[in-house]
Amino acid sequence: MALLEVSNLEIAVATGGQLLPVVRGVSFEVKANETFGIVGESGCGKSLTSLAIMGLLEGSQVRITGGSIHFDGRELTALSAEDRRAIMGAQMAMIFQEPMTSLNPVYRIGDQIVETLRQHRDMSRRQARDRAVELLDLVRIPEPGRRIDSFPHQMSGGQRQRVMIAMAMACDPKLLIADEPTTALDVTVQKEVLDLMADLQSRMGTAIVLISHDLGVIAETCDKVAVMYRGKIAESAATGELFSNMCHPYTRGLLNSIPVVDRDVEWLEAIPGRVPTIDEVLSGCAFHPRCAMAEARCESEDPDKRDVATGHTIRCHFAEVGSA
């Protein structure tokens, strides 16, 4: 049984007296102790999907307009704000993309972890502080008993990201959403952070939704992958199946744009054009203006989701793409 089940999720932005869709019919499942990757260019709806799951769209111009989000047997979209807050942090947590803007700069990191613990656990301040030191040690912060009194600006980027992980894992959540957790980190620290997340998952059995631009990171860490383009899932499969049989032209374009270290090339391959903005009206397949395979049908008909193998789905008109 899936721990998290997102079904036909629709998200729109209210602007100029109208609702502009930004996430369109997104569906996926994540089981306990499983890592699910979401990949795609900026503006494809990855982060908005994660914020909707966490219930962090409330009070903004962005809102859920359709679909359902089931978590551990409960329909999240039907819960009151109070009930959602009780789940957030305790049963599901999120690591945000930039820790320096997510951590409060005027509070010591220990106080921020203690606040999370006392919000969701029956702990005294002393007990919560002791637990915070344990968590900092768990995420491999050196001298945790001393660094607990540091402010965010006194720590490196990698250490701040570890603090975010410690805060997210403080209450042993069943689901962890990591939105670009290695952005702006050098390769060595990036690997340390990913290894740390995998280690914590193996200890606690936490399900992880990992959002990334980096197909290499996705290939190394995820059990299943969804490739998003302009608010829809263009392709989805188990990780091994996806990388051995990439079917959608967009997925192939993302892979081909990665530099190959053992081969000299004058120019890197790139997907032409850009992701359309939310106010651009496009008929047919949203990817057709950038697709080398596009034909007249692609400009007028939006492809339905279809299976190309067991558990492997795409949104593309061309049956032959599955054979390449």
C-alpha atoms as a PDB file:
ATOM      1  CA  MET A   1       0.000   0.000   0.000  1.00  0.00           C
ATOM      2  CA  ALA A   2       1.305   3.476  -0.887  1.00  0.00           C
ATOM      3  CA  LEU A   3       2.192   5.877   1.919  1.00  0.00           C
ATOM      4  CA  LEU A   4       1.609   8.877  -0.359  1.00  0.00           C
ATOM      5  CA  GLU A   5      -0.819   8.841  -3.282  1.00  0.00           C
ATOM      6  CA  VAL A   6      -1.225  11.929  -5.457  1.00  0.00           C
ATOM      7  CA  SER A   7      -4.103  11.612  -7.941  1.00  0.00           C
ATOM      8  CA  ASN A   8      -4.866  14.030 -10.809  1.00  0.00           C
ATOM      9  CA  LEU A   9      -3.487  16.992  -8.871  1.00  0.00           C
ATOM     10  CA  GLU A  10      -4.376  20.377 -10.376  1.00  0.00           C
ATOM     11  CA  ILE A  11      -2.786  23.628  -9.184  1.00  0.00           C
ATOM     12  CA  ALA A  12      -3.457  27.131 -10.509  1.00  0.00           C
ATOM     13  CA  VAL A  13      -2.264  30.683  -9.891  1.00  0.00           C
ATOM     14  CA  ALA A  14      -4.879  33.391  -9.356  1.00  0.00           C
ATOM     15  CA  THR A  15      -3.859  36.465 -11.327  1.00  0.00           C
ATOM     16  CA  GLY A  16      -5.736  39.190 -13.148  1.00  0.00           C
ATOM     17  CA  GLY A  17      -9.106  37.774 -12.119  1.00  0.00           C
ATOM     18  CA  GLN A  18      -8.419  34.359 -13.648  1.00  0.00           C
ATOM     19  CA  LEU A  19      -6.879  31.030 -12.679  1.00  0.00           C
ATOM     20  CA  LEU A  20      -3.835  30.027 -14.733  1.00  0.00           C
ATOM     21  CA  PRO A  21      -3.064  26.291 -14.460  1.00  0.00           C
ATOM     22  CA  VAL A  22       0.516  25.416 -13.487  1.00  0.00           C
ATOM     23  CA  VAL A  23       0.205  21.753 -12.492  1.00  0.00           C
ATOM     24  CA  ARG A  24      -2.059  19.594 -14.630  1.00  0.00           C
ATOM     25  CA  GLY A  25      -3.274  16.108 -13.687  1.00  0.00           C
ATOM     26  CA  VAL A  26      -0.175  14.930 -11.818  1.00  0.00           C
ATOM     27  CA  SER A  27      -0.425  11.425 -10.331  1.00  0.00           C
ATOM     28  CA  PHE A  28       2.129   9.244  -8.550  1.00  0.00           C
ATOM     29  CA  GLU A  29       2.585   6.949  -5.541  1.00  0.00           C
ATOM     30  CA  VAL A  30       5.368   6.621  -2.987  1.00  0.00           C
ATOM     31  CA  LYS A  31       5.708   3.626  -0.668  1.00  0.00           C
ATOM     32  CA  ALA A  32       7.378   3.500   2.731  1.00  0.00           C
ATOM     33  CA  ASN A  33      11.191   3.324   2.539  1.00  0.00           C
ATOM     34  CA  GLU A  34      11.076   4.264  -1.154  1.00  0.00           C
ATOM     35  CA  THR A  35      12.760   7.202  -2.876  1.00  0.00           C
ATOM     36  CA  PHE A  36      10.742   8.858  -5.635  1.00  0.00           C
ATOM     37  CA  GLY A  37      12.495  11.369  -7.893  1.00  0.00           C
ATOM     38  CA  ILE A  38      10.903  14.300  -9.714  1.00  0.00           C
ATOM     39  CA  VAL A  39      13.087  15.882 -12.383  1.00  0.00           C
ATOM     40  CA  GLY A  40      12.660  18.652 -14.945  1.00  0.00           C
ATOM     41  CA  GLU A  41      13.682  22.185 -15.848  1.00  0.00           C
ATOM     42  CA  SER A  42      12.797  25.204 -13.718  1.00  0.00           C
ATOM     43  CA  GLY A  43       9.172  26.217 -14.163  1.00  0.00           C
ATOM     44  CA  CYS A  44       7.827  22.698 -14.730  1.00  0.00           C
ATOM     45  CA  GLY A  45       5.839  22.541 -11.467  1.00  0.00           C
ATOM     46  CA  LYS A  46       8.104  20.351  -9.329  1.00  0.00           C
ATOM     47  CA  SER A  47       8.338  22.613  -6.284  1.00  0.00           C
ATOM     48  CA  LEU A  48       4.673  23.655  -6.432  1.00  0.00           C
ATOM     49  CA  THR A  49       3.700  19.977  -6.338  1.00  0.00           C
ATOM     50  CA  SER A  50       5.799  19.464  -3.210  1.00  0.00           C
ATOM     51  CA  LEU A  51       4.413  22.595  -1.529  1.00  0.00           C
ATOM     52  CA  ALA A  52       0.873  21.387  -2.236  1.00  0.00           C
ATOM     53  CA  ILE A  53       1.646  18.050  -0.577  1.00  0.00           C
ATOM     54  CA  MET A  54       3.027  19.857   2.473  1.00  0.00           C
ATOM     55  CA  GLY A  55       0.035  22.198   2.661  1.00  0.00           C
ATOM     56  CA  LEU A  56       2.193  25.298   2.206  1.00  0.00           C
ATOM     57  CA  LEU A  57       0.089  26.995  -0.488  1.00  0.00           C
ATOM     58  CA  GLU A  58      -2.495  28.286   1.979  1.00  0.00           C
ATOM     59  CA  GLY A  59      -2.782  32.060   2.027  1.00  0.00           C
ATOM     60  CA  SER A  60      -1.044  32.526  -1.312  1.00  0.00           C
ATOM     61  CA  GLN A  61      -2.312  33.157  -4.832  1.00  0.00           C
ATOM     62  CA  VAL A  62      -1.485  29.559  -5.678  1.00  0.00           C
ATOM     63  CA  ARG A  63      -4.182  27.032  -4.891  1.00  0.00           C
ATOM     64  CA  ILE A  64      -5.187  23.430  -5.446  1.00  0.00           C
ATOM     65  CA  THR A  65      -8.075  23.344  -7.915  1.00  0.00           C
ATOM     66  CA  GLY A  66      -8.555  19.603  -8.325  1.00  0.00           C
ATOM     67  CA  GLY A  67      -7.383  16.106  -7.485  1.00  0.00           C
ATOM     68  CA  SER A  68      -6.501  14.446  -4.198  1.00  0.00           C
ATOM     69  CA  ILE A  69      -3.501  13.893  -1.935  1.00  0.00           C
ATOM     70  CA  HIS A  70      -3.746  10.810   0.279  1.00  0.00           C
ATOM     71  CA  PHE A  71      -1.128  10.407   2.999  1.00  0.00           C
ATOM     72  CA  ASP A  72      -1.101   7.418   5.323  1.00  0.00           C
ATOM     73  CA  GLY A  73      -4.787   6.816   4.698  1.00  0.00           C
ATOM     74  CA  ARG A  74      -5.925  10.441   5.096  1.00  0.00           C
ATOM     75  CA  GLU A  75      -7.110  12.876   2.431  1.00  0.00           C
ATOM     76  CA  LEU A  76      -4.946  15.923   3.067  1.00  0.00           C
ATOM     77  CA  THR A  77      -6.963  18.354   0.972  1.00  0.00           C
ATOM     78  CA  ALA A  78      -9.993  17.762   3.212  1.00  0.00           C
ATOM     79  CA  LEU A  79      -8.208  18.450   6.510  1.00  0.00           C
ATOM     80  CA  SER A  80      -8.538  21.668   8.469  1.00  0.00           C
ATOM     81  CA  ALA A  81      -5.537  23.987   8.752  1.00  0.00           C
ATOM     82  CA  GLU A  82      -5.055  22.880  12.372  1.00  0.00           C
ATOM     83  CA  ASP A  83      -5.007  19.194  11.433  1.00  0.00           C
ATOM     84  CA  ARG A  84      -2.551  19.871   8.607  1.00  0.00           C
ATOM     85  CA  ARG A  85      -0.196  21.686  10.990  1.00  0.00           C
ATOM     86  CA  ALA A  86      -0.275  18.694  13.338  1.00  0.00           C
ATOM     87  CA  ILE A  87       0.946  16.454  10.499  1.00  0.00           C
ATOM     88  CA  MET A  88       3.540  18.872   9.072  1.00  0.00           C
ATOM     89  CA  GLY A  89       6.853  18.398  10.816  1.00  0.00           C
ATOM     90  CA  ALA A  90       5.670  15.390  12.791  1.00  0.00           C
ATOM     91  CA  GLN A  91       4.672  12.879  10.087  1.00  0.00           C
ATOM     92  CA  MET A  92       5.888  14.667   6.955  1.00  0.00           C
ATOM     93  CA  ALA A  93       8.736  17.147   6.644  1.00  0.00           C
ATOM     94  CA  MET A  94      10.507  19.138   3.963  1.00  0.00           C
ATOM     95  CA  ILE A  95      14.072  20.188   3.222  1.00  0.00           C
ATOM     96  CA  PHE A  96      13.958  23.431   1.285  1.00  0.00           C
ATOM     97  CA  GLN A  97      16.204  24.433  -1.586  1.00  0.00           C
ATOM     98  CA  GLU A  98      18.196  27.198   0.112  1.00  0.00           C
ATOM     99  CA  PRO A  99      18.869  26.721   3.841  1.00  0.00           C
ATOM    100  CA  MET A 100      20.098  30.283   4.372  1.00  0.00           C
ATOM    101  CA  THR A 101      16.658  31.621   3.489  1.00  0.00           C
ATOM    102  CA  SER A 102      14.808  28.804   5.292  1.00  0.00           C
ATOM    103  CA  LEU A 103      16.620  29.070   8.623  1.00  0.00           C
ATOM    104  CA  ASN A 104      15.787  32.116  10.734  1.00  0.00           C
ATOM    105  CA  PRO A 105      18.977  34.228  10.772  1.00  0.00           C
ATOM    106  CA  VAL A 106      18.328  35.787  14.203  1.00  0.00           C
ATOM    107  CA  TYR A 107      17.851  32.504  16.108  1.00  0.00           C
ATOM    108  CA  ARG A 108      20.501  29.971  17.016  1.00  0.00           C
ATOM    109  CA  ILE A 109      20.177  26.690  15.141  1.00  0.00           C
ATOM    110  CA  GLY A 110      19.611  24.783  18.369  1.00  0.00           C
ATOM    111  CA  ASP A 111      16.637  26.965  19.281  1.00  0.00           C
ATOM    112  CA  GLN A 112      15.083  26.285  15.879  1.00  0.00           C
ATOM    113  CA  ILE A 113      15.430  22.511  16.279  1.00  0.00           C
ATOM    114  CA  VAL A 114      14.147  22.694  19.875  1.00  0.00           C
ATOM    115  CA  GLU A 115      11.062  24.609  18.679  1.00  0.00           C
ATOM    116  CA  THR A 116      10.262  21.842  16.192  1.00  0.00           C
ATOM    117  CA  LEU A 117      10.619  19.141  18.845  1.00  0.00           C
ATOM    118  CA  ARG A 118       8.521  20.916  21.463  1.00  0.00           C
ATOM    119  CA  GLN A 119       5.815  21.692  18.893  1.00  0.00           C
ATOM    120  CA  HIS A 120       5.236  18.003  18.157  1.00  0.00           C
ATOM    121  CA  ARG A 121       6.665  16.083  21.122  1.00  0.00           C
ATOM    122  CA  ASP A 122       5.923  16.230  24.857  1.00  0.00           C
ATOM    123  CA  MET A 123       9.411  17.394  25.870  1.00  0.00           C
ATOM    124  CA  SER A 124      10.889  19.831  28.321  1.00  0.00           C
ATOM    125  CA  ARG A 125      13.312  22.426  26.939  1.00  0.00           C
ATOM    126  CA  ARG A 126      16.214  20.487  28.450  1.00  0.00           C
ATOM    127  CA  GLN A 127      15.088  17.220  26.864  1.00  0.00           C
ATOM    128  CA  ALA A 128      14.551  18.932  23.510  1.00  0.00           C
ATOM    129  CA  ARG A 129      18.003  20.506  23.621  1.00  0.00           C
ATOM    130  CA  ASP A 130      19.635  17.160  24.414  1.00  0.00           C
ATOM    131  CA  ARG A 131      17.754  15.625  21.499  1.00  0.00           C
ATOM    132  CA  ALA A 132      18.857  18.488  19.244  1.00  0.00           C
ATOM    133  CA  VAL A 133      22.495  17.757  20.091  1.00  0.00           C
ATOM    134  CA  GLU A 134      21.896  14.081  19.221  1.00  0.00           C
ATOM    135  CA  LEU A 135      20.369  15.090  15.880  1.00  0.00           C
ATOM    136  CA  LEU A 136      23.291  17.366  15.000  1.00  0.00           C
ATOM    137  CA  ASP A 137      25.646  14.489  15.803  1.00  0.00           C
ATOM    138  CA  LEU A 138      23.494  12.174  13.671  1.00  0.00           C
ATOM    139  CA  VAL A 139      23.878  14.476  10.660  1.00  0.00           C
ATOM    140  CA  ARG A 140      27.634  14.658  11.310  1.00  0.00           C
ATOM    141  CA  ILE A 141      27.962  18.237  12.494  1.00  0.00           C
ATOM    142  CA  PRO A 142      31.357  18.411  14.265  1.00  0.00           C
ATOM    143  CA  GLU A 143      31.271  19.351  17.968  1.00  0.00           C
ATOM    144  CA  PRO A 144      27.459  19.350  18.125  1.00  0.00           C
ATOM    145  CA  GLY A 145      27.411  20.408  21.785  1.00  0.00           C
ATOM    146  CA  ARG A 146      29.142  23.637  20.822  1.00  0.00           C
ATOM    147  CA  ARG A 147      27.685  24.238  17.354  1.00  0.00           C
ATOM    148  CA  ILE A 148      24.132  24.031  18.673  1.00  0.00           C
ATOM    149  CA  ASP A 149      24.556  27.636  19.820  1.00  0.00           C
ATOM    150  CA  SER A 150      25.754  28.861  16.400  1.00  0.00           C
ATOM    151  CA  PHE A 151      23.743  31.194  14.198  1.00  0.00           C
ATOM    152  CA  PRO A 152      23.097  30.117  10.566  1.00  0.00           C
ATOM    153  CA  HIS A 153      25.574  32.645   9.147  1.00  0.00           C
ATOM    154  CA  GLN A 154      28.351  31.088  11.238  1.00  0.00           C
ATOM    155  CA  MET A 155      28.050  27.770   9.382  1.00  0.00           C
ATOM    156  CA  SER A 156      29.039  26.686   5.894  1.00  0.00           C
ATOM    157  CA  GLY A 157      26.456  25.900   3.202  1.00  0.00           C
ATOM    158  CA  GLY A 158      26.900  22.167   3.678  1.00  0.00           C
ATOM    159  CA  GLN A 159      26.529  22.458   7.448  1.00  0.00           C
ATOM    160  CA  ARG A 160      23.367  24.561   7.088  1.00  0.00           C
ATOM    161  CA  GLN A 161      21.912  21.899   4.816  1.00  0.00           C
ATOM    162  CA  ARG A 162      22.730  19.276   7.459  1.00  0.00           C
ATOM    163  CA  VAL A 163      20.927  21.400  10.039  1.00  0.00           C
ATOM    164  CA  MET A 164      17.880  21.468   7.753  1.00  0.00           C
ATOM    165  CA  ILE A 165      18.019  17.679   7.496  1.00  0.00           C
ATOM    166  CA  ALA A 166      18.317  17.391  11.289  1.00  0.00           C
ATOM    167  CA  MET A 167      15.294  19.658  11.738  1.00  0.00           C
ATOM    168  CA  ALA A 168      13.276  17.739   9.147  1.00  0.00           C
ATOM    169  CA  MET A 169      14.122  14.356  10.710  1.00  0.00           C
ATOM    170  CA  ALA A 170      13.666  15.553  14.312  1.00  0.00           C
ATOM    171  CA  CYS A 171      10.285  13.880  14.796  1.00  0.00           C
ATOM    172  CA  ASP A 172      11.044  10.754  12.708  1.00  0.00           C
ATOM    173  CA  PRO A 173       8.624  11.627   9.865  1.00  0.00           C
ATOM    174  CA  LYS A 174       7.195   8.953   7.600  1.00  0.00           C
ATOM    175  CA  LEU A 175       7.709  11.160   4.536  1.00  0.00           C
ATOM    176  CA  LEU A 176      10.562  13.538   3.714  1.00  0.00           C
ATOM    177  CA  ILE A 177      10.364  15.915   0.739  1.00  0.00           C
ATOM    178  CA  ALA A 178      13.766  17.215  -0.374  1.00  0.00           C
ATOM    179  CA  ASP A 179      13.541  20.116  -2.825  1.00  0.00           C
ATOM    180  CA  GLU A 180      16.922  20.485  -4.550  1.00  0.00           C
ATOM    181  CA  PRO A 181      18.772  19.659  -1.296  1.00  0.00           C
ATOM    182  CA  THR A 182      22.218  19.846  -2.943  1.00  0.00           C
ATOM    183  CA  THR A 183      21.816  23.105  -4.882  1.00  0.00           C
ATOM    184  CA  ALA A 184      24.888  25.390  -4.660  1.00  0.00           C
ATOM    185  CA  LEU A 185      26.946  22.728  -2.882  1.00  0.00           C
ATOM    186  CA  ASP A 186      30.220  21.478  -4.305  1.00  0.00           C
ATOM    187  CA  VAL A 187      30.349  17.899  -5.568  1.00  0.00           C
ATOM    188  CA  THR A 188      32.022  16.476  -2.459  1.00  0.00           C
ATOM    189  CA  VAL A 189      29.533  18.038  -0.038  1.00  0.00           C
ATOM    190  CA  GLN A 190      26.681  17.096  -2.394  1.00  0.00           C
ATOM    191  CA  LYS A 191      27.631  13.434  -2.124  1.00  0.00           C
ATOM    192  CA  GLU A 192      27.928  13.677   1.657  1.00  0.00           C
ATOM    193  CA  VAL A 193      24.425  15.156   1.939  1.00  0.00           C
ATOM    194  CA  LEU A 194      22.902  12.497  -0.336  1.00  0.00           C
ATOM    195  CA  ASP A 195      24.703   9.710   1.538  1.00  0.00           C
ATOM    196  CA  LEU A 196      23.427  11.176   4.793  1.00  0.00           C
ATOM    197  CA  MET A 197      19.827  11.159   3.552  1.00  0.00           C
ATOM    198  CA  ALA A 198      20.196   7.541   2.382  1.00  0.00           C
ATOM    199  CA  ASP A 199      21.687   6.541   5.736  1.00  0.00           C
ATOM    200  CA  LEU A 200      18.867   8.188   7.678  1.00  0.00           C
ATOM    201  CA  GLN A 201      16.318   6.525   5.400  1.00  0.00           C
ATOM    202  CA  SER A 202      17.829   3.083   6.019  1.00  0.00           C
ATOM    203  CA  ARG A 203      17.706   3.660   9.785  1.00  0.00           C
ATOM    204  CA  MET A 204      14.184   5.103   9.996  1.00  0.00           C
ATOM    205  CA  GLY A 205      12.395   3.654   6.949  1.00  0.00           C
ATOM    206  CA  THR A 206      11.408   7.122   5.760  1.00  0.00           C
ATOM    207  CA  ALA A 207       9.913   7.595   2.288  1.00  0.00           C
ATOM    208  CA  ILE A 208      11.662  10.350   0.314  1.00  0.00           C
ATOM    209  CA  VAL A 209      10.448  12.548  -2.537  1.00  0.00           C
ATOM    210  CA  LEU A 210      13.596  13.999  -4.124  1.00  0.00           C
ATOM    211  CA  ILE A 211      13.234  16.989  -6.456  1.00  0.00           C
ATOM    212  CA  SER A 212      16.237  17.726  -8.656  1.00  0.00           C
ATOM    213  CA  HIS A 213      17.492  19.099 -11.959  1.00  0.00           C
ATOM    214  CA  ASP A 214      20.316  16.569 -11.880  1.00  0.00           C
ATOM    215  CA  LEU A 215      19.635  13.267 -13.650  1.00  0.00           C
ATOM    216  CA  GLY A 216      22.873  11.877 -12.221  1.00  0.00           C
ATOM    217  CA  VAL A 217      21.629  12.434  -8.673  1.00  0.00           C
ATOM    218  CA  ILE A 218      18.259  10.921  -9.569  1.00  0.00           C
ATOM    219  CA  ALA A 219      19.883   7.840 -11.144  1.00  0.00           C
ATOM    220  CA  GLU A 220      22.007   7.194  -8.051  1.00  0.00           C
ATOM    221  CA  THR A 221      19.398   7.712  -5.346  1.00  0.00           C
ATOM    222  CA  CYS A 222      15.853   7.012  -6.579  1.00  0.00           C
ATOM    223  CA  ASP A 223      13.744   3.880  -6.967  1.00  0.00           C
ATOM    224  CA  LYS A 224      11.241   5.530  -9.321  1.00  0.00           C
ATOM    225  CA  VAL A 225      11.338   8.702 -11.408  1.00  0.00           C
ATOM    226  CA  ALA A 226       8.820  11.153 -12.837  1.00  0.00           C
ATOM    227  CA  VAL A 227       9.940  13.626 -15.515  1.00  0.00           C
ATOM    228  CA  MET A 228       7.829  16.806 -15.433  1.00  0.00           C
ATOM    229  CA  TYR A 229       7.313  19.297 -18.226  1.00  0.00           C
ATOM    230  CA  ARG A 230       5.043  22.345 -17.997  1.00  0.00           C
ATOM    231  CA  GLY A 231       2.985  20.976 -15.136  1.00  0.00           C
ATOM    232  CA  LYS A 232       2.510  17.421 -16.428  1.00  0.00           C
ATOM    233  CA  ILE A 233       4.396  14.188 -15.980  1.00  0.00           C
ATOM    234  CA  ALA A 234       5.893  13.523 -19.415  1.00  0.00           C
ATOM    235  CA  GLU A 235       7.425  10.171 -18.485  1.00  0.00           C
ATOM    236  CA  SER A 236       7.464   7.963 -15.403  1.00  0.00           C
ATOM    237  CA  ALA A 237       9.082   4.613 -14.648  1.00  0.00           C
ATOM    238  CA  ALA A 238      11.293   2.664 -12.285  1.00  0.00           C
ATOM    239  CA  THR A 239      14.758   4.218 -12.366  1.00  0.00           C
ATOM    240  CA  GLY A 240      16.472   1.307 -14.100  1.00  0.00           C
ATOM    241  CA  GLU A 241      13.734   1.078 -16.726  1.00  0.00           C
ATOM    242  CA  LEU A 242      13.755   4.814 -17.404  1.00  0.00           C
ATOM    243  CA  PHE A 243      17.504   5.094 -17.935  1.00  0.00           C
ATOM    244  CA  SER A 244      17.721   1.952 -20.061  1.00  0.00           C
ATOM    245  CA  ASN A 245      14.705   2.860 -22.210  1.00  0.00           C
ATOM    246  CA  MET A 246      14.136   6.615 -22.314  1.00  0.00           C
ATOM    247  CA  CYS A 247      11.059   7.078 -24.444  1.00  0.00           C
ATOM    248  CA  HIS A 248      10.053  10.738 -24.322  1.00  0.00           C
ATOM    249  CA  PRO A 249      12.039  13.226 -26.444  1.00  0.00           C
ATOM    250  CA  TYR A 250      12.178  15.602 -23.486  1.00  0.00           C
ATOM    251  CA  THR A 251      13.739  12.987 -21.194  1.00  0.00           C
ATOM    252  CA  ARG A 252      16.318  12.200 -23.873  1.00  0.00           C
ATOM    253  CA  GLY A 253      17.049  15.884 -24.285  1.00  0.00           C
ATOM    254  CA  LEU A 254      17.739  16.253 -20.569  1.00  0.00           C
ATOM    255  CA  LEU A 255      20.134  13.303 -20.639  1.00  0.00           C
ATOM    256  CA  ASN A 256      21.933  14.440 -23.796  1.00  0.00           C
ATOM    257  CA  SER A 257      22.602  17.874 -22.295  1.00  0.00           C
ATOM    258  CA  ILE A 258      24.781  16.363 -19.533  1.00  0.00           C
ATOM    259  CA  PRO A 259      28.534  16.808 -20.177  1.00  0.00           C
ATOM    260  CA  VAL A 260      30.484  13.586 -20.795  1.00  0.00           C
ATOM    261  CA  VAL A 261      33.819  13.760 -18.991  1.00  0.00           C
ATOM    262  CA  ASP A 262      35.644  11.175 -21.107  1.00  0.00           C
ATOM    263  CA  ARG A 263      34.861  12.738 -24.492  1.00  0.00           C
ATOM    264  CA  ASP A 264      35.887  16.077 -25.989  1.00  0.00           C
ATOM    265  CA  VAL A 265      33.028  17.997 -27.564  1.00  0.00           C
ATOM    266  CA  GLU A 266      33.009  21.500 -29.001  1.00  0.00           C
ATOM    267  CA  TRP A 267      29.370  22.167 -28.100  1.00  0.00           C
ATOM    268  CA  LEU A 268      27.069  20.540 -25.561  1.00  0.00           C
ATOM    269  CA  GLU A 269      23.722  19.365 -26.855  1.00  0.00           C
ATOM    270  CA  ALA A 270      20.838  21.443 -25.560  1.00  0.00           C
ATOM    271  CA  ILE A 271      17.074  21.439 -25.815  1.00  0.00           C
ATOM    272  CA  PRO A 272      16.194  24.473 -27.974  1.00  0.00           C
ATOM    273  CA  GLY A 273      13.898  27.167 -26.645  1.00  0.00           C
ATOM    274  CA  ARG A 274      12.522  27.374 -23.109  1.00  0.00           C
ATOM    275  CA  VAL A 275       9.698  26.133 -20.904  1.00  0.00           C
ATOM    276  CA  PRO A 276       6.551  28.147 -21.789  1.00  0.00           C
ATOM    277  CA  THR A 277       5.338  30.580 -19.138  1.00  0.00           C
ATOM    278  CA  ILE A 278       2.004  29.997 -17.420  1.00  0.00           C
ATOM    279  CA  ASP A 279       0.233  32.704 -19.422  1.00  0.00           C
ATOM    280  CA  GLU A 280       1.293  31.350 -22.820  1.00  0.00           C
ATOM    281  CA  VAL A 281      -1.524  29.503 -24.570  1.00  0.00           C
ATOM    282  CA  LEU A 282      -0.355  26.404 -26.437  1.00  0.00           C
ATOM    283  CA  SER A 283      -2.442  23.875 -28.306  1.00  0.00           C
ATOM    284  CA  GLY A 284      -1.468  20.246 -28.590  1.00  0.00           C
ATOM    285  CA  CYS A 285       1.594  18.856 -26.839  1.00  0.00           C
ATOM    286  CA  ALA A 286       3.294  21.498 -24.659  1.00  0.00           C
ATOM    287  CA  PHE A 287       6.720  20.242 -25.761  1.00  0.00           C
ATOM    288  CA  HIS A 288       6.076  20.435 -29.508  1.00  0.00           C
ATOM    289  CA  PRO A 289       7.710  23.893 -30.088  1.00  0.00           C
ATOM    290  CA  ARG A 290      11.016  22.437 -28.830  1.00  0.00           C
ATOM    291  CA  CYS A 291      10.726  18.859 -30.138  1.00  0.00           C
ATOM    292  CA  ALA A 292      12.675  17.677 -33.193  1.00  0.00           C
ATOM    293  CA  MET A 293      10.123  14.882 -33.720  1.00  0.00           C
ATOM    294  CA  ALA A 294       7.061  17.153 -33.735  1.00  0.00           C
ATOM    295  CA  GLU A 295       4.549  16.843 -36.576  1.00  0.00           C
ATOM    296  CA  ALA A 296       1.215  18.501 -37.337  1.00  0.00           C
ATOM    297  CA  ARG A 297      -0.623  16.195 -34.959  1.00  0.00           C
ATOM    298  CA  CYS A 298       1.566  17.342 -32.071  1.00  0.00           C
ATOM    299  CA  GLU A 299       0.516  20.955 -32.629  1.00  0.00           C
ATOM    300  CA  SER A 300      -3.195  20.209 -32.380  1.00  0.00           C
ATOM    301  CA  GLU A 301      -3.626  17.129 -30.130  1.00  0.00           C
ATOM    302  CA  ASP A 302      -2.452  16.886 -26.530  1.00  0.00           C
ATOM    303  CA  PRO A 303      -1.229  13.282 -26.061  1.00  0.00           C
ATOM    304  CA  ASP A 304      -2.861  11.086 -23.428  1.00  0.00           C
ATOM    305  CA  LYS A 305      -0.827   9.127 -20.911  1.00  0.00           C
ATOM    306  CA  ARG A 306      -0.106   5.590 -22.110  1.00  0.00           C
ATOM    307  CA  ASP A 307       1.943   2.574 -21.072  1.00  0.00           C
ATOM    308  CA  VAL A 308       5.042   1.521 -22.995  1.00  0.00           C
ATOM    309  CA  ALA A 309       6.048  -1.165 -20.462  1.00  0.00           C
ATOM    310  CA  THR A 310       4.890  -2.350 -17.059  1.00  0.00           C
ATOM    311  CA  GLY A 311       4.962   0.697 -14.818  1.00  0.00           C
ATOM    312  CA  HIS A 312       6.458   2.855 -17.583  1.00  0.00           C
ATOM    313  CA  THR A 313       4.186   5.615 -18.881  1.00  0.00           C
ATOM    314  CA  ILE A 314       4.688   8.520 -21.286  1.00  0.00           C
ATOM    315  CA  ARG A 315       2.742  11.377 -22.846  1.00  0.00           C
ATOM    316  CA  CYS A 316       3.804  11.326 -26.490  1.00  0.00           C
ATOM    317  CA  HIS A 317       2.057  10.562 -29.789  1.00  0.00           C
ATOM    318  CA  PHE A 318       4.868   8.476 -31.240  1.00  0.00           C
ATOM    319  CA  ALA A 319       4.666   4.745 -30.613  1.00  0.00           C
ATOM    320  CA  GLU A 320       8.123   4.248 -32.073  1.00  0.00           C
ATOM    321  CA  VAL A 321       9.861   6.307 -29.394  1.00  0.00           C
ATOM    322  CA  GLY A 322       9.661   3.334 -27.078  1.00  0.00           C
ATOM    323  CA  SER A 323      11.893   1.222 -29.295  1.00  0.00           C
ATOM    324  CA  ALA A 324      14.895   3.561 -29.387  1.00  0.00           C
END
